[in-house]
């Protein structure tokens, strides 16, 4: 998560926003659509099998079309994959 926070910090230049999202995205100063998206990505990351059609309905209701849902899913899945590869290889944990 630290690398994601650092990316957001560099992209937004907003330390307070990063801290607020890290603390609790539900109370962070982000849009309702962004909260729905994060909820979806959190479930995708924790247990993708439990992503039900209701998640997709909430995403659509928040304004995301099917292409956006696909892109969000692909990006989150790619980050999950890369993080697991890095974790398995000890990237950042062991001296070079």
C-alpha atoms as a PDB file:
ATOM      1  CA  UNK A   1       0.000   0.000   0.000  1.00  0.00           C
ATOM      2  CA  UNK A   2       2.908   2.317   0.645  1.00  0.00           C
ATOM      3  CA  UNK A   3       3.851   2.424  -3.035  1.00  0.00           C
ATOM      4  CA  UNK A   4       0.259   3.288  -3.973  1.00  0.00           C
ATOM      5  CA  UNK A   5       0.148   6.061  -1.393  1.00  0.00           C
ATOM      6  CA  UNK A   6       3.425   7.412  -2.729  1.00  0.00           C
ATOM      7  CA  UNK A   7       2.089   7.347  -6.299  1.00  0.00           C
ATOM      8  CA  UNK A   8      -1.060   9.230  -5.214  1.00  0.00           C
ATOM      9  CA  UNK A   9       1.042  11.707  -3.238  1.00  0.00           C
ATOM     10  CA  UNK A  10       3.179  12.449  -6.308  1.00  0.00           C
ATOM     11  CA  UNK A  11       0.199  12.587  -8.671  1.00  0.00           C
ATOM     12  CA  UNK A  12      -1.905  14.912  -6.520  1.00  0.00           C
ATOM     13  CA  UNK A  13       0.715  16.739  -4.440  1.00  0.00           C
ATOM     14  CA  UNK A  14      -1.886  16.518  -1.672  1.00  0.00           C
ATOM     15  CA  UNK A  15      -0.530  14.976   1.531  1.00  0.00           C
ATOM     16  CA  UNK A  16      -3.804  15.562   3.384  1.00  0.00           C
ATOM     17  CA  UNK A  17      -5.828  13.703   0.764  1.00  0.00           C
ATOM     18  CA  UNK A  18      -3.464  10.734   0.877  1.00  0.00           C
ATOM     19  CA  UNK A  19      -3.620  10.657   4.675  1.00  0.00           C
ATOM     20  CA  UNK A  20      -7.424  10.897   4.660  1.00  0.00           C
ATOM     21  CA  UNK A  21      -7.810   8.040   2.177  1.00  0.00           C
ATOM     22  CA  UNK A  22      -5.329   5.922   4.091  1.00  0.00           C
ATOM     23  CA  UNK A  23      -7.196   6.598   7.352  1.00  0.00           C
ATOM     24  CA  UNK A  24     -10.683   5.812   5.990  1.00  0.00           C
ATOM     25  CA  UNK A  25     -11.670   6.296   2.369  1.00  0.00           C
ATOM     26  CA  UNK A  26     -15.339   6.475   3.394  1.00  0.00           C
ATOM     27  CA  UNK A  27     -14.731   9.751   5.239  1.00  0.00           C
ATOM     28  CA  UNK A  28     -12.058  11.094   2.874  1.00  0.00           C
ATOM     29  CA  UNK A  29     -12.856  14.152   0.740  1.00  0.00           C
ATOM     30  CA  UNK A  30     -13.451  12.186  -2.458  1.00  0.00           C
ATOM     31  CA  UNK A  31     -16.556  11.782  -4.587  1.00  0.00           C
ATOM     32  CA  UNK A  32     -19.199   9.161  -3.948  1.00  0.00           C
ATOM     33  CA  UNK A  33     -18.243   7.552  -7.262  1.00  0.00           C
ATOM     34  CA  UNK A  34     -14.623   7.276  -6.112  1.00  0.00           C
ATOM     35  CA  UNK A  35     -15.784   5.646  -2.879  1.00  0.00           C
ATOM     36  CA  UNK A  36     -17.848   3.103  -4.824  1.00  0.00           C
ATOM     37  CA  UNK A  37     -14.836   2.398  -7.033  1.00  0.00           C
ATOM     38  CA  UNK A  38     -12.559   1.872  -4.027  1.00  0.00           C
ATOM     39  CA  UNK A  39     -15.122  -0.421  -2.397  1.00  0.00           C
ATOM     40  CA  UNK A  40     -15.163  -2.500  -5.589  1.00  0.00           C
ATOM     41  CA  UNK A  41     -11.370  -2.637  -5.809  1.00  0.00           C
ATOM     42  CA  UNK A  42     -11.040  -3.573  -2.135  1.00  0.00           C
ATOM     43  CA  UNK A  43     -13.406  -6.516  -2.641  1.00  0.00           C
ATOM     44  CA  UNK A  44     -11.627  -7.491  -5.849  1.00  0.00           C
ATOM     45  CA  UNK A  45      -8.341  -7.500  -3.949  1.00  0.00           C
ATOM     46  CA  UNK A  46      -9.608  -9.356  -0.877  1.00  0.00           C
ATOM     47  CA  UNK A  47     -11.660 -12.039  -2.656  1.00  0.00           C
ATOM     48  CA  UNK A  48     -12.619 -11.581  -6.302  1.00  0.00           C
ATOM     49  CA  UNK A  49     -15.002 -14.549  -6.171  1.00  0.00           C
ATOM     50  CA  UNK A  50     -17.204 -12.489  -3.854  1.00  0.00           C
ATOM     51  CA  UNK A  51     -17.588  -9.692  -6.405  1.00  0.00           C
ATOM     52  CA  UNK A  52     -21.288 -10.065  -7.111  1.00  0.00           C
ATOM     53  CA  UNK A  53     -23.429  -8.434  -9.812  1.00  0.00           C
ATOM     54  CA  UNK A  54     -24.498  -5.927  -7.152  1.00  0.00           C
ATOM     55  CA  UNK A  55     -20.984  -4.461  -7.190  1.00  0.00           C
ATOM     56  CA  UNK A  56     -21.284  -3.862 -10.925  1.00  0.00           C
ATOM     57  CA  UNK A  57     -24.745  -2.349 -10.476  1.00  0.00           C
ATOM     58  CA  UNK A  58     -23.378   0.057  -7.852  1.00  0.00           C
ATOM     59  CA  UNK A  59     -20.524   0.948 -10.199  1.00  0.00           C
ATOM     60  CA  UNK A  60     -22.970   1.687 -13.030  1.00  0.00           C
ATOM     61  CA  UNK A  61     -25.234   3.666 -10.684  1.00  0.00           C
ATOM     62  CA  UNK A  62     -22.166   5.724  -9.701  1.00  0.00           C
ATOM     63  CA  UNK A  63     -21.603   6.617 -13.359  1.00  0.00           C
ATOM     64  CA  UNK A  64     -19.122   4.003 -14.558  1.00  0.00           C
ATOM     65  CA  UNK A  65     -19.957   2.339 -17.863  1.00  0.00           C
ATOM     66  CA  UNK A  66     -18.945  -1.212 -18.730  1.00  0.00           C
ATOM     67  CA  UNK A  67     -15.699  -0.083 -20.361  1.00  0.00           C
ATOM     68  CA  UNK A  68     -14.714   1.848 -17.220  1.00  0.00           C
ATOM     69  CA  UNK A  69     -15.588  -1.130 -15.009  1.00  0.00           C
ATOM     70  CA  UNK A  70     -13.409  -3.340 -17.198  1.00  0.00           C
ATOM     71  CA  UNK A  71     -10.522  -0.865 -17.071  1.00  0.00           C
ATOM     72  CA  UNK A  72     -10.784  -0.500 -13.277  1.00  0.00           C
ATOM     73  CA  UNK A  73     -10.870  -4.285 -12.927  1.00  0.00           C
ATOM     74  CA  UNK A  74      -7.849  -4.765 -15.196  1.00  0.00           C
ATOM     75  CA  UNK A  75      -5.778  -2.075 -13.487  1.00  0.00           C
ATOM     76  CA  UNK A  76      -6.581  -3.300  -9.971  1.00  0.00           C
ATOM     77  CA  UNK A  77      -5.901  -6.900 -10.991  1.00  0.00           C
ATOM     78  CA  UNK A  78      -2.602  -5.941 -12.597  1.00  0.00           C
ATOM     79  CA  UNK A  79      -1.488  -4.117  -9.440  1.00  0.00           C
ATOM     80  CA  UNK A  80      -2.510  -7.132  -7.352  1.00  0.00           C
ATOM     81  CA  UNK A  81      -0.493  -9.403  -9.638  1.00  0.00           C
ATOM     82  CA  UNK A  82       2.608  -7.200  -9.628  1.00  0.00           C
ATOM     83  CA  UNK A  83       2.444  -6.782  -5.846  1.00  0.00           C
ATOM     84  CA  UNK A  84       2.300 -10.545  -5.358  1.00  0.00           C
ATOM     85  CA  UNK A  85       5.231 -11.102  -7.696  1.00  0.00           C
ATOM     86  CA  UNK A  86       7.256  -8.453  -5.866  1.00  0.00           C
ATOM     87  CA  UNK A  87       6.290  -9.919  -2.483  1.00  0.00           C
ATOM     88  CA  UNK A  88       7.244 -13.438  -3.586  1.00  0.00           C
ATOM     89  CA  UNK A  89      10.641 -12.231  -4.785  1.00  0.00           C
ATOM     90  CA  UNK A  90      11.253 -10.126  -1.687  1.00  0.00           C
ATOM     91  CA  UNK A  91      11.438  -6.861  -3.608  1.00  0.00           C
ATOM     92  CA  UNK A  92      12.139  -4.123  -1.101  1.00  0.00           C
ATOM     93  CA  UNK A  93      12.621  -6.575   1.784  1.00  0.00           C
ATOM     94  CA  UNK A  94      16.099  -7.897   1.152  1.00  0.00           C
ATOM     95  CA  UNK A  95      19.325  -6.057   0.448  1.00  0.00           C
ATOM     96  CA  UNK A  96      20.519  -6.217  -3.138  1.00  0.00           C
END
